[in-house]
Each structure stands twice: as C-alpha cells, then as structure tokens.
Amino acid sequence: MRTQKGQITLLSTVPLFEALNDRELELLSRRVRRLHAEPGDILVLEGQRGREFFVILSGQAAVMHDDDTVATLRTGDWFGELALLANAPRNATVAALTPMELFVLDDSEFSALLRELPQLARKLLAGMARRVRQADALVG
C-alpha cells in the first residue's frame, strides 16, 4: 500500500494537479482512492448517472459514443467531470484498453474539493474547453 507521502508525490506528477501546493496535494490525497482496471473493464457507461471523477495514472482507455470510439485517453488525462458538474447522465462510455491505475473521487468528495481548491475548477474548465474545441474541429 502506498504511503501518504508517496501518494502526494504521485498526485504532483498529474498535469491537472501540478499547480497545487503541498498542503493542497495533501488535502487531495485524503479524498482520492486508487482503482485498478483491466482491459475491457467499463469505467463509466453512457446514459448512467455520473457519480465519480477519474484521473488516469497509467494506461489507456477508449471513449465511445453510440458504439463509436471517439477518443483515446492516456496517462494524465481525466474524465467524468462533466456528468458531476452538470448533474447529468454520462455522455460517453469509457473502457480500459490496457491495465490501468486511476485516482477516483466520488461526487461528494469532488464537490468538496472544488470548493476548497478553486484553481482546480479553473483547470477542469480549461480541459473541458479544449475538448469542446477538439470536437468542433472534428465536426467542422
């Protein structure tokens, strides 16, 4: 099992959390849990209510919408925030392509963390904006 210090060090390597200071990383480390996934494991299912936010520590996952693969997520990517922020069903299915290690925040921990770390909310919004631009480029 990872030590608290080891988990903080790992969190500091994730681009989403790189601007957090030591105190903020410690706060975050107390809220996340680790998850291991094997190839083929479904992490989120399109249409279901979102209850978790995920950050990929290692591995790759496919993002599928209407049975079409629309993106591949890799180490450092995150997903699941849209369903939590909008209190809406998942807009895609995400399945592990390789063995994966992830950090997971449930909806109540995610909400509390955003209240305590507003700079994290800004980074999430920037990431969502980047995804919208990428989707627009594919359509246009």
Protein backbone atom coordinates (compact mmCIF):
# COMPACT_ATOMS: atom_id res chain seq x y z
CA MET A 1 0.00 0.00 0.00
CA ARG A 2 1.26 3.49 -0.84
CA THR A 3 2.29 5.86 1.88
CA GLN A 4 0.65 9.27 2.21
CA LYS A 5 3.89 10.90 1.03
CA GLY A 6 4.10 8.53 -1.96
CA GLN A 7 0.53 9.30 -2.94
CA ILE A 8 1.19 13.06 -2.69
CA THR A 9 4.26 12.65 -4.91
CA LEU A 10 2.22 10.71 -7.46
CA LEU A 11 -0.55 13.33 -7.42
CA SER A 12 2.01 16.08 -8.04
CA THR A 13 3.01 14.40 -11.33
CA VAL A 14 -0.53 14.63 -12.76
CA PRO A 15 -0.83 17.71 -15.01
CA LEU A 16 -4.27 18.54 -13.58
CA PHE A 17 -2.76 18.89 -10.11
CA GLU A 18 0.68 20.33 -10.93
CA ALA A 19 -0.17 23.86 -9.70
CA LEU A 20 -1.29 22.63 -6.28
CA ASN A 21 0.96 23.31 -3.29
CA ASP A 22 1.94 20.67 -0.72
CA ARG A 23 -0.99 21.44 1.61
CA GLU A 24 -3.47 21.20 -1.27
CA LEU A 25 -1.93 17.96 -2.51
CA GLU A 26 -2.21 16.52 0.99
CA LEU A 27 -5.88 17.52 1.12
CA LEU A 28 -6.44 15.91 -2.26
CA SER A 29 -4.60 12.72 -1.27
CA ARG A 30 -7.00 12.19 1.61
CA ARG A 31 -10.00 12.38 -0.72
CA VAL A 32 -8.95 10.13 -3.62
CA ARG A 33 -8.96 6.38 -3.80
CA ARG A 34 -6.94 4.15 -6.11
CA LEU A 35 -8.57 1.92 -8.69
CA HIS A 36 -7.04 -0.77 -10.87
CA ALA A 37 -8.75 -1.70 -14.15
CA GLU A 38 -8.06 -4.49 -16.62
CA PRO A 39 -8.52 -4.32 -20.42
CA GLY A 40 -12.22 -4.40 -21.25
CA ASP A 41 -13.38 -3.07 -17.87
CA ILE A 42 -16.10 -0.46 -18.28
CA LEU A 43 -15.26 2.55 -16.12
CA VAL A 44 -18.31 4.66 -16.99
CA LEU A 45 -21.36 3.82 -19.05
CA GLU A 46 -23.08 6.22 -21.42
CA GLY A 47 -26.51 7.24 -20.13
CA GLN A 48 -25.89 6.33 -16.49
CA ARG A 49 -25.79 8.97 -13.79
CA GLY A 50 -22.26 10.12 -13.08
CA ARG A 51 -21.08 9.56 -9.51
CA GLU A 52 -17.29 9.56 -9.96
CA PHE A 53 -14.45 11.58 -11.47
CA PHE A 54 -11.34 9.75 -12.73
CA VAL A 55 -7.69 10.68 -13.30
CA ILE A 56 -5.55 8.21 -15.26
CA LEU A 57 -2.25 7.44 -13.55
CA SER A 58 -1.20 4.83 -16.10
CA GLY A 59 -2.73 3.02 -19.03
CA GLN A 60 -5.14 3.85 -21.82
CA ALA A 61 -8.91 3.93 -22.21
CA ALA A 62 -11.27 4.23 -25.15
CA VAL A 63 -14.04 6.83 -25.13
CA MET A 64 -17.09 5.55 -27.00
CA HIS A 65 -20.26 7.36 -28.01
CA ASP A 66 -23.07 5.42 -29.71
CA ASP A 67 -20.66 2.45 -30.06
CA ASP A 68 -18.08 4.52 -31.99
CA THR A 69 -14.66 5.14 -30.48
CA VAL A 70 -14.26 8.91 -30.45
CA ALA A 71 -11.06 9.33 -28.39
CA THR A 72 -8.30 7.56 -26.52
CA LEU A 73 -7.37 8.73 -23.03
CA ARG A 74 -3.86 8.27 -21.66
CA THR A 75 -1.78 8.80 -18.55
CA GLY A 76 -2.50 12.25 -17.12
CA ASP A 77 -5.94 12.57 -18.74
CA TRP A 78 -9.12 12.79 -16.71
CA PHE A 79 -12.79 12.13 -17.34
CA GLY A 80 -16.16 12.12 -15.63
CA GLU A 81 -16.23 15.74 -14.53
CA LEU A 82 -18.96 16.84 -16.93
CA ALA A 83 -21.59 14.47 -15.52
CA LEU A 84 -20.72 15.61 -11.98
CA LEU A 85 -20.66 19.34 -12.76
CA ALA A 86 -23.89 19.24 -14.78
CA ASN A 87 -25.62 16.58 -12.66
CA ALA A 88 -26.38 14.80 -15.93
CA PRO A 89 -26.07 11.27 -17.31
CA ARG A 90 -22.73 10.20 -18.75
CA ASN A 91 -22.36 11.32 -22.36
CA ALA A 92 -19.95 8.51 -23.29
CA THR A 93 -18.73 5.08 -22.26
CA VAL A 94 -15.11 4.77 -21.15
CA ALA A 95 -13.46 1.33 -21.23
CA ALA A 96 -9.93 0.28 -20.30
CA LEU A 97 -7.77 -0.67 -23.29
CA THR A 98 -4.76 -1.66 -21.18
CA PRO A 99 -4.21 -2.37 -17.50
CA MET A 100 -4.84 0.95 -15.76
CA GLU A 101 -4.25 2.69 -12.46
CA LEU A 102 -6.57 5.57 -11.66
CA PHE A 103 -7.41 8.00 -8.92
CA VAL A 104 -11.14 8.27 -8.28
CA LEU A 105 -13.15 10.95 -6.49
CA ASP A 106 -16.82 10.30 -5.75
CA ASP A 107 -19.32 13.10 -6.33
CA SER A 108 -19.40 14.42 -2.75
CA GLU A 109 -15.58 14.42 -2.47
CA PHE A 110 -15.32 16.05 -5.91
CA SER A 111 -17.73 18.85 -4.94
CA ALA A 112 -15.95 19.47 -1.63
CA LEU A 113 -12.59 19.56 -3.37
CA LEU A 114 -13.77 22.13 -5.93
CA ARG A 115 -15.00 24.37 -3.09
CA GLU A 116 -11.66 24.07 -1.29
CA LEU A 117 -9.42 24.35 -4.37
CA PRO A 118 -10.91 26.88 -6.82
CA GLN A 119 -7.78 26.73 -9.00
CA LEU A 120 -8.63 23.09 -9.70
CA ALA A 121 -12.05 24.16 -11.00
CA ARG A 122 -10.34 26.55 -13.43
CA LYS A 123 -8.10 23.77 -14.74
CA LEU A 124 -11.11 21.47 -15.21
CA LEU A 125 -12.91 24.19 -17.16
CA ALA A 126 -9.85 24.73 -19.35
CA GLY A 127 -9.71 20.99 -20.05
CA MET A 128 -13.40 20.90 -20.94
CA ALA A 129 -12.96 23.89 -23.27
CA ARG A 130 -10.08 22.09 -25.01
CA ARG A 131 -12.30 19.03 -25.54
CA VAL A 132 -15.09 21.19 -27.00
CA ARG A 133 -12.61 22.81 -29.43
CA GLN A 134 -11.35 19.37 -30.47
CA ALA A 135 -14.91 18.12 -31.01
CA ASP A 136 -15.79 21.23 -33.02
CA ALA A 137 -12.73 20.69 -35.22
CA LEU A 138 -13.88 17.14 -35.98
CA VAL A 139 -17.41 18.28 -36.89
CA GLY A 140 -16.44 21.45 -38.79
